[in-house]
Amino acid sequence: MMERQHEKPPLTPKFCQHVVVQSTPDPASFKPGADPARVTLFDLGIVSSIESVIFIKAVKNRLIPWQINDRDLGSSPSTTVQQSADSISQNAF
């Protein structure tokens, strides 16, 4: 019996932004109406390389069945939510 493959949800800007925010240590810090081009991952709890590694793993788990290479995901503390979301939409496969 063939195993059914997961359908990939569309990589809409809203979906990518949601994945980014929910993968941070403090997603509640992203307030409704916040500008994703101004809020950095640092603002959401990514303060060191340790949190960046955890963030990358969380994003990858939330993206399944999509995949993304670690190096292609914007994940530094100075990266904005928008930049990280854009890196997902441009690099996920």
C-alpha atoms as a PDB file:
ATOM      1  CA  MET A   1       0.000   0.000   0.000  1.00  0.00           C
ATOM      2  CA  MET A   2       1.393   3.412  -0.963  1.00  0.00           C
ATOM      3  CA  GLU A   3       1.819   5.966   1.751  1.00  0.00           C
ATOM      4  CA  ARG A   4       0.009   9.228   1.085  1.00  0.00           C
ATOM      5  CA  GLN A   5       2.320  12.235   0.943  1.00  0.00           C
ATOM      6  CA  HIS A   6       1.525  15.306   3.001  1.00  0.00           C
ATOM      7  CA  GLU A   7       0.132  18.205   1.062  1.00  0.00           C
ATOM      8  CA  LYS A   8       2.283  21.259   1.410  1.00  0.00           C
ATOM      9  CA  PRO A   9       0.435  24.328   2.641  1.00  0.00           C
ATOM     10  CA  PRO A  10       1.105  27.407   0.547  1.00  0.00           C
ATOM     11  CA  LEU A  11       4.028  29.505   1.730  1.00  0.00           C
ATOM     12  CA  THR A  12       1.966  32.653   2.120  1.00  0.00           C
ATOM     13  CA  PRO A  13       3.516  35.662   3.873  1.00  0.00           C
ATOM     14  CA  LYS A  14       1.109  35.171   6.795  1.00  0.00           C
ATOM     15  CA  PHE A  15       2.011  31.473   7.158  1.00  0.00           C
ATOM     16  CA  CYS A  16       5.770  32.178   7.019  1.00  0.00           C
ATOM     17  CA  GLN A  17       5.471  34.995   9.549  1.00  0.00           C
ATOM     18  CA  HIS A  18       3.428  32.753  11.867  1.00  0.00           C
ATOM     19  CA  VAL A  19       6.060  30.000  11.663  1.00  0.00           C
ATOM     20  CA  VAL A  20       8.798  32.491  12.551  1.00  0.00           C
ATOM     21  CA  VAL A  21       6.979  34.078  15.488  1.00  0.00           C
ATOM     22  CA  GLN A  22       5.750  30.792  16.960  1.00  0.00           C
ATOM     23  CA  SER A  23       9.246  29.304  16.747  1.00  0.00           C
ATOM     24  CA  THR A  24      10.788  31.977  18.978  1.00  0.00           C
ATOM     25  CA  PRO A  25      11.218  31.667  22.753  1.00  0.00           C
ATOM     26  CA  ASP A  26       8.737  34.512  23.382  1.00  0.00           C
ATOM     27  CA  PRO A  27       6.078  34.629  20.643  1.00  0.00           C
ATOM     28  CA  ALA A  28       3.719  36.631  22.885  1.00  0.00           C
ATOM     29  CA  SER A  29       6.098  39.580  22.531  1.00  0.00           C
ATOM     30  CA  PHE A  30       4.933  39.945  18.930  1.00  0.00           C
ATOM     31  CA  LYS A  31       1.865  42.064  19.553  1.00  0.00           C
ATOM     32  CA  PRO A  32      -1.081  42.303  17.149  1.00  0.00           C
ATOM     33  CA  GLY A  33      -0.388  45.050  14.652  1.00  0.00           C
ATOM     34  CA  ALA A  34       3.391  44.908  15.201  1.00  0.00           C
ATOM     35  CA  ASP A  35       5.470  45.672  12.128  1.00  0.00           C
ATOM     36  CA  PRO A  36       7.337  42.474  11.177  1.00  0.00           C
ATOM     37  CA  ALA A  37       9.918  44.593   9.364  1.00  0.00           C
ATOM     38  CA  ARG A  38      10.847  46.290  12.663  1.00  0.00           C
ATOM     39  CA  VAL A  39      10.586  43.490  15.237  1.00  0.00           C
ATOM     40  CA  THR A  40      13.823  41.514  15.462  1.00  0.00           C
ATOM     41  CA  LEU A  41      14.296  37.948  16.568  1.00  0.00           C
ATOM     42  CA  PHE A  42      16.201  39.424  19.531  1.00  0.00           C
ATOM     43  CA  ASP A  43      12.955  41.138  20.572  1.00  0.00           C
ATOM     44  CA  LEU A  44      11.336  37.674  20.633  1.00  0.00           C
ATOM     45  CA  GLY A  45      14.035  35.992  22.701  1.00  0.00           C
ATOM     46  CA  ILE A  46      16.744  34.973  20.217  1.00  0.00           C
ATOM     47  CA  VAL A  47      19.719  36.429  22.086  1.00  0.00           C
ATOM     48  CA  SER A  48      22.544  33.967  21.373  1.00  0.00           C
ATOM     49  CA  SER A  49      23.638  31.184  19.074  1.00  0.00           C
ATOM     50  CA  ILE A  50      21.976  28.651  21.387  1.00  0.00           C
ATOM     51  CA  GLU A  51      18.530  30.197  20.880  1.00  0.00           C
ATOM     52  CA  SER A  52      19.254  30.475  17.147  1.00  0.00           C
ATOM     53  CA  VAL A  53      19.890  26.726  16.911  1.00  0.00           C
ATOM     54  CA  ILE A  54      16.703  25.967  18.840  1.00  0.00           C
ATOM     55  CA  PHE A  55      14.798  28.439  16.643  1.00  0.00           C
ATOM     56  CA  ILE A  56      16.021  26.742  13.450  1.00  0.00           C
ATOM     57  CA  LYS A  57      14.892  23.339  14.714  1.00  0.00           C
ATOM     58  CA  ALA A  58      11.493  24.743  15.715  1.00  0.00           C
ATOM     59  CA  VAL A  59      10.995  26.379  12.313  1.00  0.00           C
ATOM     60  CA  LYS A  60      11.928  23.172  10.531  1.00  0.00           C
ATOM     61  CA  ASN A  61       9.434  21.199  12.641  1.00  0.00           C
ATOM     62  CA  ARG A  62       6.653  23.684  11.919  1.00  0.00           C
ATOM     63  CA  LEU A  63       7.392  23.659   8.191  1.00  0.00           C
ATOM     64  CA  ILE A  64       6.968  19.897   7.693  1.00  0.00           C
ATOM     65  CA  PRO A  65       6.416  18.701   4.961  1.00  0.00           C
ATOM     66  CA  TRP A  66       8.392  21.678   3.640  1.00  0.00           C
ATOM     67  CA  GLN A  67      12.142  21.650   4.259  1.00  0.00           C
ATOM     68  CA  ILE A  68      14.769  24.363   4.505  1.00  0.00           C
ATOM     69  CA  ASN A  69      18.526  24.236   4.883  1.00  0.00           C
ATOM     70  CA  ASP A  70      19.837  25.717   8.125  1.00  0.00           C
ATOM     71  CA  ARG A  71      22.092  28.181   6.311  1.00  0.00           C
ATOM     72  CA  ASP A  72      19.159  29.499   4.249  1.00  0.00           C
ATOM     73  CA  LEU A  73      17.035  30.493   7.242  1.00  0.00           C
ATOM     74  CA  GLY A  74      17.472  33.996   8.641  1.00  0.00           C
ATOM     75  CA  SER A  75      17.975  33.263  12.331  1.00  0.00           C
ATOM     76  CA  SER A  76      20.360  35.769  13.914  1.00  0.00           C
ATOM     77  CA  PRO A  77      19.259  38.063  16.754  1.00  0.00           C
ATOM     78  CA  SER A  78      19.417  41.095  14.437  1.00  0.00           C
ATOM     79  CA  THR A  79      17.225  39.474  11.752  1.00  0.00           C
ATOM     80  CA  THR A  80      13.726  40.922  11.577  1.00  0.00           C
ATOM     81  CA  VAL A  81      10.635  38.722  11.588  1.00  0.00           C
ATOM     82  CA  GLN A  82      10.016  39.824   7.993  1.00  0.00           C
ATOM     83  CA  GLN A  83      13.540  38.918   6.867  1.00  0.00           C
ATOM     84  CA  SER A  84      13.252  35.498   8.459  1.00  0.00           C
ATOM     85  CA  ALA A  85       9.795  34.912   6.958  1.00  0.00           C
ATOM     86  CA  ASP A  86      11.129  35.978   3.553  1.00  0.00           C
ATOM     87  CA  SER A  87      14.011  33.520   3.882  1.00  0.00           C
ATOM     88  CA  ILE A  88      11.452  30.746   4.393  1.00  0.00           C
ATOM     89  CA  SER A  89       9.334  31.716   1.383  1.00  0.00           C
ATOM     90  CA  GLN A  90      12.416  32.036  -0.842  1.00  0.00           C
ATOM     91  CA  ASN A  91      14.306  28.921   0.292  1.00  0.00           C
ATOM     92  CA  ALA A  92      11.870  26.251   1.454  1.00  0.00           C
ATOM     93  CA  PHE A  93      11.567  23.247  -0.806  1.00  0.00           C
END
